[in-house]
Structures are given as C-alpha cells and as structure tokens.
Amino acid sequence: MGDPQIYVRGFPKYTSEEDLKTAFGAYGEIKEIRMIRDYAFIVLTPNIKVFENDDCCGKAVEEMNGKDINDQRVRVEVAGQPK
C-alpha cells in the first residue's frame, strides 16, 4: 500500500502550496502536494510523535473537512475511497 493521501477540493485559485502545508502539516509530514486548479492531492507521512495511534489522513479529513482555507470552505476526503 502506498503512502496515505487526502484529496482537498474547493480552495481559492490563489492558494499556495505553503498555505496547504500550513493547514495540513499538523496531521503528518507532507511528502508531496500535487495541485491542479482548485483541488490538490496531499501525500502525508504519519507524524509518529503526535499521532502514534491515529490515522493521519482520517484525522485530517475529520478536522479539516468543511473548514476555511483562505476564506473559502474546502472539502477534504481520503483519496481513493468511494463516496
């Protein structure tokens, strides 16, 4: 199985990779961000020091889905899961 990934949709077009790193960095080390227009795939490595027993992607989805990034509400999902 590959690294855990989350799918983020709906952020403003002027959002930078640094904005996404700031918003999602608490949930694990960000190994990669692939931004395409107004959505992105973020590849996380679990932050063992903080989330030793938690799924980093699940926690990021739970806490960030419906939150605002750059004053716009985003949708966050675990990548590859059926809707």
N, C-alpha and C. Protein backbone atom coordinates (compact mmCIF):
# COMPACT_ATOMS: atom_id res chain seq x y z
N MET A 1 0.85 -1.17 0.00
CA MET A 1 0.00 0.00 0.00
C MET A 1 0.89 1.24 0.00
N GLY A 2 0.51 2.28 -0.76
CA GLY A 2 1.29 3.49 -0.84
C GLY A 2 1.06 4.38 0.38
N ASP A 3 1.68 5.53 0.31
CA ASP A 3 1.53 6.50 1.38
C ASP A 3 0.09 7.01 1.43
N PRO A 4 -0.39 7.34 2.63
CA PRO A 4 -1.76 7.86 2.74
C PRO A 4 -1.89 9.20 2.03
N GLN A 5 -3.04 9.39 1.36
CA GLN A 5 -3.27 10.62 0.62
C GLN A 5 -4.65 11.18 0.95
N ILE A 6 -4.74 12.49 0.94
CA ILE A 6 -6.02 13.15 1.06
C ILE A 6 -6.26 14.00 -0.18
N TYR A 7 -7.53 14.21 -0.47
CA TYR A 7 -7.96 14.99 -1.61
C TYR A 7 -8.63 16.23 -1.06
N VAL A 8 -8.16 17.39 -1.47
CA VAL A 8 -8.70 18.67 -1.00
C VAL A 8 -9.28 19.41 -2.20
N ARG A 9 -10.52 19.84 -2.06
CA ARG A 9 -11.19 20.50 -3.18
C ARG A 9 -11.86 21.78 -2.70
N GLY A 10 -11.85 22.79 -3.56
CA GLY A 10 -12.62 23.99 -3.30
C GLY A 10 -11.86 25.18 -2.76
N PHE A 11 -10.55 25.09 -2.65
CA PHE A 11 -9.81 26.24 -2.13
C PHE A 11 -9.63 27.26 -3.26
N PRO A 12 -9.43 28.54 -2.92
CA PRO A 12 -9.27 29.58 -3.94
C PRO A 12 -8.06 29.32 -4.83
N LYS A 13 -8.13 29.80 -6.06
CA LYS A 13 -7.05 29.57 -7.03
C LYS A 13 -5.73 30.18 -6.60
N TYR A 14 -5.77 31.21 -5.77
CA TYR A 14 -4.53 31.85 -5.33
C TYR A 14 -3.87 31.13 -4.16
N THR A 15 -4.46 30.04 -3.69
CA THR A 15 -3.88 29.28 -2.59
C THR A 15 -2.55 28.67 -3.03
N SER A 16 -1.54 28.78 -2.16
CA SER A 16 -0.21 28.26 -2.48
C SER A 16 0.02 26.91 -1.81
N GLU A 17 1.08 26.24 -2.22
CA GLU A 17 1.48 25.00 -1.55
C GLU A 17 1.78 25.29 -0.08
N GLU A 18 2.38 26.43 0.19
CA GLU A 18 2.71 26.79 1.57
C GLU A 18 1.44 26.93 2.42
N ASP A 19 0.36 27.48 1.84
CA ASP A 19 -0.92 27.57 2.55
C ASP A 19 -1.42 26.18 2.93
N LEU A 20 -1.31 25.23 2.01
CA LEU A 20 -1.76 23.87 2.28
C LEU A 20 -0.86 23.18 3.30
N LYS A 21 0.44 23.43 3.21
CA LYS A 21 1.36 22.86 4.20
C LYS A 21 1.04 23.39 5.59
N THR A 22 0.73 24.66 5.69
CA THR A 22 0.37 25.25 6.98
C THR A 22 -0.92 24.63 7.51
N ALA A 23 -1.91 24.46 6.65
CA ALA A 23 -3.21 23.93 7.07
C ALA A 23 -3.16 22.46 7.46
N PHE A 24 -2.36 21.66 6.75
CA PHE A 24 -2.38 20.21 6.95
C PHE A 24 -1.13 19.64 7.61
N GLY A 25 -0.13 20.45 7.85
CA GLY A 25 1.13 19.96 8.41
C GLY A 25 1.01 19.35 9.80
N ALA A 26 0.02 19.75 10.56
CA ALA A 26 -0.15 19.21 11.91
C ALA A 26 -0.57 17.74 11.91
N TYR A 27 -1.05 17.24 10.77
CA TYR A 27 -1.57 15.87 10.70
C TYR A 27 -0.53 14.86 10.25
N GLY A 28 0.65 15.32 9.91
CA GLY A 28 1.71 14.43 9.49
C GLY A 28 2.66 15.18 8.58
N GLU A 29 3.81 14.59 8.36
CA GLU A 29 4.79 15.19 7.45
C GLU A 29 4.22 15.17 6.04
N ILE A 30 4.26 16.28 5.35
CA ILE A 30 3.76 16.32 3.98
C ILE A 30 4.90 15.98 3.05
N LYS A 31 4.77 14.86 2.35
CA LYS A 31 5.81 14.40 1.44
C LYS A 31 5.64 15.00 0.05
N GLU A 32 4.40 15.28 -0.33
CA GLU A 32 4.14 15.75 -1.69
C GLU A 32 2.80 16.46 -1.73
N ILE A 33 2.73 17.52 -2.52
CA ILE A 33 1.46 18.18 -2.82
C ILE A 33 1.37 18.30 -4.33
N ARG A 34 0.31 17.79 -4.90
CA ARG A 34 0.05 17.93 -6.33
C ARG A 34 -1.18 18.81 -6.50
N MET A 35 -0.97 20.05 -6.92
CA MET A 35 -2.06 21.00 -7.08
C MET A 35 -2.48 21.08 -8.55
N ILE A 36 -3.77 20.97 -8.78
CA ILE A 36 -4.34 21.09 -10.12
C ILE A 36 -5.58 21.97 -10.01
N ARG A 37 -5.46 23.20 -10.49
CA ARG A 37 -6.53 24.19 -10.40
C ARG A 37 -7.01 24.37 -8.98
N ASP A 38 -8.26 23.96 -8.68
CA ASP A 38 -8.78 24.21 -7.33
C ASP A 38 -8.88 22.93 -6.50
N TYR A 39 -8.08 21.93 -6.82
CA TYR A 39 -8.02 20.76 -5.96
C TYR A 39 -6.58 20.27 -5.86
N ALA A 40 -6.33 19.48 -4.84
CA ALA A 40 -4.96 19.00 -4.62
C ALA A 40 -4.99 17.63 -3.99
N PHE A 41 -3.96 16.84 -4.29
CA PHE A 41 -3.69 15.61 -3.57
C PHE A 41 -2.53 15.91 -2.64
N ILE A 42 -2.66 15.53 -1.39
CA ILE A 42 -1.60 15.75 -0.42
C ILE A 42 -1.19 14.39 0.12
N VAL A 43 0.09 14.07 0.00
CA VAL A 43 0.61 12.80 0.49
C VAL A 43 1.22 13.05 1.86
N LEU A 44 0.69 12.37 2.87
CA LEU A 44 1.13 12.55 4.25
C LEU A 44 1.88 11.33 4.75
N THR A 45 2.87 11.56 5.58
CA THR A 45 3.51 10.51 6.34
C THR A 45 3.10 10.74 7.78
N PRO A 46 2.54 9.74 8.46
CA PRO A 46 2.09 9.98 9.82
C PRO A 46 3.18 10.57 10.71
N ASN A 47 2.81 11.56 11.49
CA ASN A 47 3.73 12.19 12.43
C ASN A 47 3.73 11.34 13.70
N ILE A 48 4.69 10.45 13.80
CA ILE A 48 4.72 9.46 14.88
C ILE A 48 4.73 10.13 16.25
N LYS A 49 5.41 11.24 16.41
CA LYS A 49 5.49 11.90 17.71
C LYS A 49 4.13 12.36 18.21
N VAL A 50 3.25 12.75 17.29
CA VAL A 50 1.96 13.30 17.69
C VAL A 50 0.84 12.29 17.49
N PHE A 51 0.87 11.55 16.40
CA PHE A 51 -0.24 10.69 16.04
C PHE A 51 0.14 9.22 16.02
N GLU A 52 0.82 8.79 17.04
CA GLU A 52 1.32 7.42 17.07
C GLU A 52 0.21 6.38 16.85
N ASN A 53 -0.98 6.62 17.39
CA ASN A 53 -2.06 5.64 17.29
C ASN A 53 -3.20 6.09 16.38
N ASP A 54 -3.02 7.19 15.68
CA ASP A 54 -4.09 7.71 14.84
C ASP A 54 -3.74 7.59 13.37
N ASP A 55 -4.76 7.47 12.54
CA ASP A 55 -4.59 7.53 11.10
C ASP A 55 -4.52 9.00 10.73
N CYS A 56 -3.38 9.44 10.21
CA CYS A 56 -3.19 10.86 9.93
C CYS A 56 -4.19 11.39 8.92
N CYS A 57 -4.50 10.62 7.90
CA CYS A 57 -5.45 11.09 6.90
C CYS A 57 -6.86 11.19 7.47
N GLY A 58 -7.25 10.19 8.24
CA GLY A 58 -8.59 10.22 8.84
C GLY A 58 -8.77 11.41 9.75
N LYS A 59 -7.75 11.72 10.51
CA LYS A 59 -7.81 12.86 11.42
C LYS A 59 -7.85 14.17 10.64
N ALA A 60 -7.06 14.27 9.57
CA ALA A 60 -7.07 15.47 8.74
C ALA A 60 -8.44 15.67 8.10
N VAL A 61 -9.03 14.60 7.60
CA VAL A 61 -10.36 14.70 6.98
C VAL A 61 -11.39 15.12 8.02
N GLU A 62 -11.37 14.47 9.17
CA GLU A 62 -12.34 14.74 10.23
C GLU A 62 -12.28 16.21 10.68
N GLU A 63 -11.07 16.72 10.84
CA GLU A 63 -10.92 18.06 11.39
C GLU A 63 -10.92 19.18 10.35
N MET A 64 -10.54 18.87 9.10
CA MET A 64 -10.41 19.94 8.10
C MET A 64 -11.57 20.01 7.11
N ASN A 65 -12.35 18.93 6.95
CA ASN A 65 -13.47 18.96 6.02
C ASN A 65 -14.48 20.02 6.46
N GLY A 66 -14.81 20.93 5.56
CA GLY A 66 -15.75 21.99 5.87
C GLY A 66 -15.13 23.23 6.49
N LYS A 67 -13.83 23.20 6.72
CA LYS A 67 -13.13 24.37 7.27
C LYS A 67 -12.76 25.32 6.15
N ASP A 68 -12.37 26.53 6.52
CA ASP A 68 -11.97 27.53 5.53
C ASP A 68 -10.46 27.55 5.36
N ILE A 69 -10.04 27.62 4.11
CA ILE A 69 -8.66 27.90 3.75
C ILE A 69 -8.71 29.14 2.87
N ASN A 70 -8.01 30.17 3.28
CA ASN A 70 -8.04 31.45 2.57
C ASN A 70 -9.48 31.94 2.35
N ASP A 71 -10.26 31.85 3.42
CA ASP A 71 -11.64 32.36 3.44
C ASP A 71 -12.59 31.63 2.49
N GLN A 72 -12.29 30.40 2.17
CA GLN A 72 -13.20 29.60 1.35
C GLN A 72 -13.29 28.20 1.93
N ARG A 73 -14.51 27.69 2.05
CA ARG A 73 -14.75 26.36 2.62
C ARG A 73 -14.25 25.28 1.68
N VAL A 74 -13.54 24.30 2.24
CA VAL A 74 -12.98 23.21 1.43
C VAL A 74 -13.62 21.88 1.79
N ARG A 75 -13.53 20.95 0.84
CA ARG A 75 -13.94 19.57 1.07
C ARG A 75 -12.68 18.73 1.11
N VAL A 76 -12.59 17.87 2.11
CA VAL A 76 -11.40 17.04 2.29
C VAL A 76 -11.86 15.59 2.40
N GLU A 77 -11.24 14.72 1.61
CA GLU A 77 -11.58 13.28 1.61
C GLU A 77 -10.29 12.47 1.58
N VAL A 78 -10.37 11.23 2.04
CA VAL A 78 -9.25 10.31 1.86
C VAL A 78 -9.25 9.92 0.40
N ALA A 79 -8.14 10.06 -0.29
CA ALA A 79 -8.04 9.75 -1.71
C ALA A 79 -8.27 8.27 -1.96
N GLY A 80 -9.01 7.97 -3.01
CA GLY A 80 -9.22 6.59 -3.41
C GLY A 80 -10.37 5.89 -2.72
N GLN A 81 -11.09 6.56 -1.83
CA GLN A 81 -12.23 5.94 -1.18
C GLN A 81 -13.50 6.26 -1.93
N PRO A 82 -14.41 5.30 -2.03
CA PRO A 82 -15.69 5.59 -2.68
C PRO A 82 -16.47 6.62 -1.90
N LYS A 83 -17.24 7.43 -2.63
CA LYS A 83 -18.02 8.49 -1.99
C LYS A 83 -19.29 7.98 -1.40
